[in-house]
PDB file of N, CA and C in Angstrom:
ATOM      1  N   GLY A   1      16.388   2.866  -4.922  1.00  0.00           N
ATOM      2  CA  GLY A   1      17.340   2.812  -3.889  1.00  0.00           C
ATOM      3  C   GLY A   1      16.788   2.297  -2.584  1.00  0.00           C
ATOM      4  N   THR A   2      17.567   2.502  -1.573  1.00  0.00           N
ATOM      5  CA  THR A   2      17.235   2.072  -0.219  1.00  0.00           C
ATOM      6  C   THR A   2      17.012   3.299   0.646  1.00  0.00           C
ATOM      7  N   GLY A   3      16.014   3.253   1.518  1.00  0.00           N
ATOM      8  CA  GLY A   3      15.797   4.369   2.420  1.00  0.00           C
ATOM      9  C   GLY A   3      14.353   4.507   2.871  1.00  0.00           C
ATOM     10  N   ILE A   4      14.124   5.528   3.681  1.00  0.00           N
ATOM     11  CA  ILE A   4      12.800   5.815   4.240  1.00  0.00           C
ATOM     12  C   ILE A   4      11.964   6.532   3.182  1.00  0.00           C
ATOM     13  N   PHE A   5      10.651   6.240   3.142  1.00  0.00           N
ATOM     14  CA  PHE A   5       9.775   6.933   2.207  1.00  0.00           C
ATOM     15  C   PHE A   5       8.454   7.310   2.875  1.00  0.00           C
ATOM     16  N   LEU A   6       7.819   8.338   2.319  1.00  0.00           N
ATOM     17  CA  LEU A   6       6.498   8.806   2.720  1.00  0.00           C
ATOM     18  C   LEU A   6       5.696   8.942   1.443  1.00  0.00           C
ATOM     19  N   GLU A   7       4.479   8.372   1.395  1.00  0.00           N
ATOM     20  CA  GLU A   7       3.701   8.416   0.166  1.00  0.00           C
ATOM     21  C   GLU A   7       2.236   8.717   0.445  1.00  0.00           C
ATOM     22  N   GLY A   8       1.600   9.349  -0.516  1.00  0.00           N
ATOM     23  CA  GLY A   8       0.161   9.560  -0.480  1.00  0.00           C
ATOM     24  C   GLY A   8      -0.514   8.463  -1.281  1.00  0.00           C
ATOM     25  N   LEU A   9      -1.652   7.987  -0.805  1.00  0.00           N
ATOM     26  CA  LEU A   9      -2.341   6.868  -1.438  1.00  0.00           C
ATOM     27  C   LEU A   9      -3.778   7.253  -1.776  1.00  0.00           C
ATOM     28  N   GLY A  10      -4.258   6.806  -2.902  1.00  0.00           N
ATOM     29  CA  GLY A  10      -5.649   7.010  -3.275  1.00  0.00           C
ATOM     30  C   GLY A  10      -6.040   6.037  -4.370  1.00  0.00           C
ATOM     31  N   TRP A  11      -7.149   5.335  -4.206  1.00  0.00           N
ATOM     32  CA  TRP A  11      -7.584   4.360  -5.197  1.00  0.00           C
ATOM     33  C   TRP A  11      -9.055   4.024  -4.962  1.00  0.00           C
ATOM     34  N   VAL A  12      -9.616   3.262  -5.871  1.00  0.00           N
ATOM     35  CA  VAL A  12     -10.995   2.803  -5.761  1.00  0.00           C
ATOM     36  C   VAL A  12     -10.976   1.285  -5.729  1.00  0.00           C
ATOM     37  N   SER A  13     -11.683   0.693  -4.759  1.00  0.00           N
ATOM     38  CA  SER A  13     -11.804  -0.761  -4.669  1.00  0.00           C
ATOM     39  C   SER A  13     -13.158  -1.174  -5.230  1.00  0.00           C
ATOM     40  N   ILE A  14     -13.193  -2.314  -5.879  1.00  0.00           N
ATOM     41  CA  ILE A  14     -14.438  -2.863  -6.401  1.00  0.00           C
ATOM     42  C   ILE A  14     -14.719  -4.159  -5.654  1.00  0.00           C
ATOM     43  N   TYR A  15     -15.856  -4.222  -4.974  1.00  0.00           N
ATOM     44  CA  TYR A  15     -16.251  -5.410  -4.225  1.00  0.00           C
ATOM     45  C   TYR A  15     -17.369  -6.129  -4.967  1.00  0.00           C
ATOM     46  N   LEU A  16     -17.226  -7.430  -5.126  1.00  0.00           N
ATOM     47  CA  LEU A  16     -18.260  -8.264  -5.736  1.00  0.00           C
ATOM     48  C   LEU A  16     -18.823  -9.169  -4.655  1.00  0.00           C
ATOM     49  N   VAL A  17     -20.007  -8.814  -4.151  1.00  0.00           N
ATOM     50  CA  VAL A  17     -20.626  -9.555  -3.056  1.00  0.00           C
ATOM     51  C   VAL A  17     -22.027  -9.982  -3.468  1.00  0.00           C
ATOM     52  N   GLU A  18     -22.267 -11.279  -3.471  1.00  0.00           N
ATOM     53  CA  GLU A  18     -23.586 -11.845  -3.786  1.00  0.00           C
ATOM     54  C   GLU A  18     -24.162 -11.251  -5.062  1.00  0.00           C
ATOM     55  N   SER A  19     -23.401 -11.299  -6.151  1.00  0.00           N
ATOM     56  CA  SER A  19     -23.793 -10.795  -7.469  1.00  0.00           C
ATOM     57  C   SER A  19     -24.062  -9.297  -7.489  1.00  0.00           C
ATOM     58  N   ASP A  20     -23.546  -8.546  -6.533  1.00  0.00           N
ATOM     59  CA  ASP A  20     -23.716  -7.105  -6.488  1.00  0.00           C
ATOM     60  C   ASP A  20     -22.336  -6.459  -6.547  1.00  0.00           C
ATOM     61  N   THR A  21     -22.180  -5.449  -7.381  1.00  0.00           N
ATOM     62  CA  THR A  21     -20.919  -4.732  -7.512  1.00  0.00           C
ATOM     63  C   THR A  21     -20.983  -3.446  -6.713  1.00  0.00           C
ATOM     64  N   ASP A  22     -19.978  -3.194  -5.894  1.00  0.00           N
ATOM     65  CA  ASP A  22     -19.940  -1.999  -5.058  1.00  0.00           C
ATOM     66  C   ASP A  22     -18.564  -1.346  -5.190  1.00  0.00           C
ATOM     67  N   PHE A  23     -18.532  -0.033  -5.403  1.00  0.00           N
ATOM     68  CA  PHE A  23     -17.289   0.727  -5.510  1.00  0.00           C
ATOM     69  C   PHE A  23     -17.054   1.464  -4.201  1.00  0.00           C
ATOM     70  N   PHE A  24     -15.795   1.527  -3.770  1.00  0.00           N
ATOM     71  CA  PHE A  24     -15.468   2.124  -2.483  1.00  0.00           C
ATOM     72  C   PHE A  24     -14.181   2.922  -2.608  1.00  0.00           C
ATOM     73  N   ALA A  25     -14.197   4.200  -2.212  1.00  0.00           N
ATOM     74  CA  ALA A  25     -13.012   5.054  -2.290  1.00  0.00           C
ATOM     75  C   ALA A  25     -12.108   4.833  -1.081  1.00  0.00           C
ATOM     76  N   ASN A  26     -10.812   4.843  -1.322  1.00  0.00           N
ATOM     77  CA  ASN A  26      -9.794   4.697  -0.285  1.00  0.00           C
ATOM     78  C   ASN A  26      -8.794   5.840  -0.413  1.00  0.00           C
ATOM     79  N   CYS A  27      -8.287   6.342   0.695  1.00  0.00           N
ATOM     80  CA  CYS A  27      -7.239   7.359   0.640  1.00  0.00           C
ATOM     81  C   CYS A  27      -6.455   7.328   1.950  1.00  0.00           C
ATOM     82  N   GLY A  28      -5.248   7.853   1.909  1.00  0.00           N
ATOM     83  CA  GLY A  28      -4.449   7.878   3.125  1.00  0.00           C
ATOM     84  C   GLY A  28      -2.997   8.200   2.849  1.00  0.00           C
ATOM     85  N   ALA A  29      -2.145   7.827   3.786  1.00  0.00           N
ATOM     86  CA  ALA A  29      -0.712   8.071   3.686  1.00  0.00           C
ATOM     87  C   ALA A  29       0.038   6.852   4.213  1.00  0.00           C
ATOM     88  N   GLY A  30       1.222   6.650   3.682  1.00  0.00           N
ATOM     89  CA  GLY A  30       2.059   5.544   4.121  1.00  0.00           C
ATOM     90  C   GLY A  30       3.459   6.016   4.471  1.00  0.00           C
ATOM     91  N   PHE A  31       4.069   5.340   5.418  1.00  0.00           N
ATOM     92  CA  PHE A  31       5.425   5.637   5.860  1.00  0.00           C
ATOM     93  C   PHE A  31       6.151   4.308   5.994  1.00  0.00           C
ATOM     94  N   GLY A  32       7.320   4.185   5.367  1.00  0.00           N
ATOM     95  CA  GLY A  32       8.017   2.912   5.429  1.00  0.00           C
ATOM     96  C   GLY A  32       9.486   3.013   5.082  1.00  0.00           C
ATOM     97  N   TYR A  33      10.075   1.855   4.870  1.00  0.00           N
ATOM     98  CA  TYR A  33      11.501   1.748   4.564  1.00  0.00           C
ATOM     99  C   TYR A  33      11.672   0.756   3.425  1.00  0.00           C
ATOM    100  N   ARG A  34      12.372   1.142   2.371  1.00  0.00           N
ATOM    101  CA  ARG A  34      12.658   0.235   1.265  1.00  0.00           C
ATOM    102  C   ARG A  34      14.100  -0.227   1.367  1.00  0.00           C
ATOM    103  N   ALA A  35      14.290  -1.545   1.382  1.00  0.00           N
ATOM    104  CA  ALA A  35      15.625  -2.151   1.369  1.00  0.00           C
ATOM    105  C   ALA A  35      15.792  -2.868   0.039  1.00  0.00           C
ATOM    106  N   ALA A  36      16.748  -2.418  -0.774  1.00  0.00           N
ATOM    107  CA  ALA A  36      16.990  -3.000  -2.082  1.00  0.00           C
ATOM    108  C   ALA A  36      18.121  -4.019  -2.015  1.00  0.00           C
ATOM    109  N   PHE A  37      17.907  -5.143  -2.698  1.00  0.00           N
ATOM    110  CA  PHE A  37      18.901  -6.219  -2.786  1.00  0.00           C
ATOM    111  C   PHE A  37      19.013  -6.620  -4.250  1.00  0.00           C
ATOM    112  N   GLY A  38      19.878  -5.943  -5.010  1.00  0.00           N
ATOM    113  CA  GLY A  38      19.974  -6.216  -6.445  1.00  0.00           C
ATOM    114  C   GLY A  38      18.691  -5.785  -7.137  1.00  0.00           C
ATOM    115  N   ILE A  39      18.024  -6.724  -7.832  1.00  0.00           N
ATOM    116  CA  ILE A  39      16.776  -6.383  -8.512  1.00  0.00           C
ATOM    117  C   ILE A  39      15.548  -6.575  -7.616  1.00  0.00           C
ATOM    118  N   PHE A  40      15.730  -7.053  -6.393  1.00  0.00           N
ATOM    119  CA  PHE A  40      14.621  -7.269  -5.459  1.00  0.00           C
ATOM    120  C   PHE A  40      14.545  -6.147  -4.429  1.00  0.00           C
ATOM    121  N   TYR A  41      13.368  -5.938  -3.851  1.00  0.00           N
ATOM    122  CA  TYR A  41      13.225  -4.999  -2.743  1.00  0.00           C
ATOM    123  C   TYR A  41      12.234  -5.549  -1.715  1.00  0.00           C
ATOM    124  N   ILE A  42      12.370  -5.095  -0.492  1.00  0.00           N
ATOM    125  CA  ILE A  42      11.453  -5.414   0.608  1.00  0.00           C
ATOM    126  C   ILE A  42      11.049  -4.090   1.238  1.00  0.00           C
ATOM    127  N   GLU A  43       9.726  -3.901   1.467  1.00  0.00           N
ATOM    128  CA  GLU A  43       9.219  -2.658   2.057  1.00  0.00           C
ATOM    129  C   GLU A  43       8.268  -2.938   3.214  1.00  0.00           C
ATOM    130  N   PRO A  44       8.686  -2.799   4.460  1.00  0.00           N
ATOM    131  CA  PRO A  44       7.723  -2.758   5.561  1.00  0.00           C
ATOM    132  C   PRO A  44       7.118  -1.354   5.598  1.00  0.00           C
ATOM    133  N   GLU A  45       5.790  -1.252   5.826  1.00  0.00           N
ATOM    134  CA  GLU A  45       5.113   0.040   5.740  1.00  0.00           C
ATOM    135  C   GLU A  45       3.971   0.124   6.756  1.00  0.00           C
ATOM    136  N   ILE A  46       3.737   1.329   7.248  1.00  0.00           N
ATOM    137  CA  ILE A  46       2.603   1.639   8.124  1.00  0.00           C
ATOM    138  C   ILE A  46       1.696   2.591   7.356  1.00  0.00           C
ATOM    139  N   ARG A  47       0.381   2.333   7.361  1.00  0.00           N
ATOM    140  CA  ARG A  47      -0.567   3.170   6.634  1.00  0.00           C
ATOM    141  C   ARG A  47      -1.646   3.704   7.570  1.00  0.00           C
ATOM    142  N   VAL A  48      -2.072   4.924   7.287  1.00  0.00           N
ATOM    143  CA  VAL A  48      -3.213   5.519   7.988  1.00  0.00           C
ATOM    144  C   VAL A  48      -4.112   6.154   6.933  1.00  0.00           C
ATOM    145  N   GLY A  49      -5.420   6.254   7.208  1.00  0.00           N
ATOM    146  CA  GLY A  49      -6.305   6.886   6.249  1.00  0.00           C
ATOM    147  C   GLY A  49      -7.746   6.471   6.374  1.00  0.00           C
ATOM    148  N   TYR A  50      -8.461   6.575   5.258  1.00  0.00           N
ATOM    149  CA  TYR A  50      -9.885   6.265   5.206  1.00  0.00           C
ATOM    150  C   TYR A  50     -10.103   5.154   4.206  1.00  0.00           C
ATOM    151  N   PRO A  51     -10.852   4.135   4.435  1.00  0.00           N
ATOM    152  CA  PRO A  51     -11.756   3.871   5.550  1.00  0.00           C
ATOM    153  C   PRO A  51     -11.081   3.162   6.723  1.00  0.00           C
ATOM    154  N   TYR A  52      -9.839   2.729   6.534  1.00  0.00           N
ATOM    155  CA  TYR A  52      -9.114   2.083   7.625  1.00  0.00           C
ATOM    156  C   TYR A  52      -8.497   3.165   8.507  1.00  0.00           C
ATOM    157  N   ILE A  53      -8.292   2.875   9.749  1.00  0.00           N
ATOM    158  CA  ILE A  53      -7.654   3.826  10.654  1.00  0.00           C
ATOM    159  C   ILE A  53      -6.151   3.598  10.667  1.00  0.00           C
ATOM    160  N   PHE A  54      -5.744   2.338  10.703  1.00  0.00           N
ATOM    161  CA  PHE A  54      -4.336   1.991  10.808  1.00  0.00           C
ATOM    162  C   PHE A  54      -4.113   0.640  10.145  1.00  0.00           C
ATOM    163  N   GLY A  55      -2.990   0.481   9.477  1.00  0.00           N
ATOM    164  CA  GLY A  55      -2.640  -0.797   8.882  1.00  0.00           C
ATOM    165  C   GLY A  55      -1.140  -0.914   8.722  1.00  0.00           C
ATOM    166  N   ALA A  56      -0.671  -2.131   8.566  1.00  0.00           N
ATOM    167  CA  ALA A  56       0.747  -2.387   8.343  1.00  0.00           C
ATOM    168  C   ALA A  56       0.863  -3.458   7.272  1.00  0.00           C
ATOM    169  N   ASP A  57       1.878  -3.355   6.440  1.00  0.00           N
ATOM    170  CA  ASP A  57       2.072  -4.378   5.418  1.00  0.00           C
ATOM    171  C   ASP A  57       3.549  -4.568   5.123  1.00  0.00           C
ATOM    172  N   LEU A  58       3.825  -5.629   4.413  1.00  0.00           N
ATOM    173  CA  LEU A  58       5.177  -5.947   3.983  1.00  0.00           C
ATOM    174  C   LEU A  58       5.097  -6.280   2.501  1.00  0.00           C
ATOM    175  N   SER A  59       5.762  -5.495   1.663  1.00  0.00           N
ATOM    176  CA  SER A  59       5.770  -5.712   0.219  1.00  0.00           C
ATOM    177  C   SER A  59       7.121  -6.260  -0.209  1.00  0.00           C
ATOM    178  N   VAL A  60       7.090  -7.168  -1.158  1.00  0.00           N
ATOM    179  CA  VAL A  60       8.310  -7.735  -1.739  1.00  0.00           C
ATOM    180  C   VAL A  60       8.117  -7.682  -3.250  1.00  0.00           C
ATOM    181  N   GLY A  61       9.139  -7.250  -3.989  1.00  0.00           N
ATOM    182  CA  GLY A  61       8.969  -7.156  -5.434  1.00  0.00           C
ATOM    183  C   GLY A  61      10.262  -7.066  -6.201  1.00  0.00           C
ATOM    184  N   LEU A  62      10.115  -6.843  -7.511  1.00  0.00           N
ATOM    185  CA  LEU A  62      11.245  -6.703  -8.427  1.00  0.00           C
ATOM    186  C   LEU A  62      11.362  -5.248  -8.854  1.00  0.00           C
ATOM    187  N   ARG A  63      12.582  -4.757  -8.970  1.00  0.00           N
ATOM    188  CA  ARG A  63      12.825  -3.399  -9.461  1.00  0.00           C
ATOM    189  C   ARG A  63      13.194  -3.484 -10.931  1.00  0.00           C
ATOM    190  N   PHE A  64      12.704  -2.540 -11.717  1.00  0.00           N
ATOM    191  CA  PHE A  64      13.029  -2.488 -13.147  1.00  0.00           C
ATOM    192  C   PHE A  64      13.797  -1.250 -13.466  1.00  0.00           C
TER     193      PHE A  64
END
């Protein structure tokens, strides 16, 4: 549907730098708004957490 959302985030990133593999933990929270248009959606979102302090993104996708 369409509306405001709050989500918890947690994942592991893998960085490949100069033939070296490094794993990095990420965690935080996001707050945003999902606007649905048929099978498509658009989500502007604000994120806070570790290791980043603040971030913003815009997601576009298909709903199943």
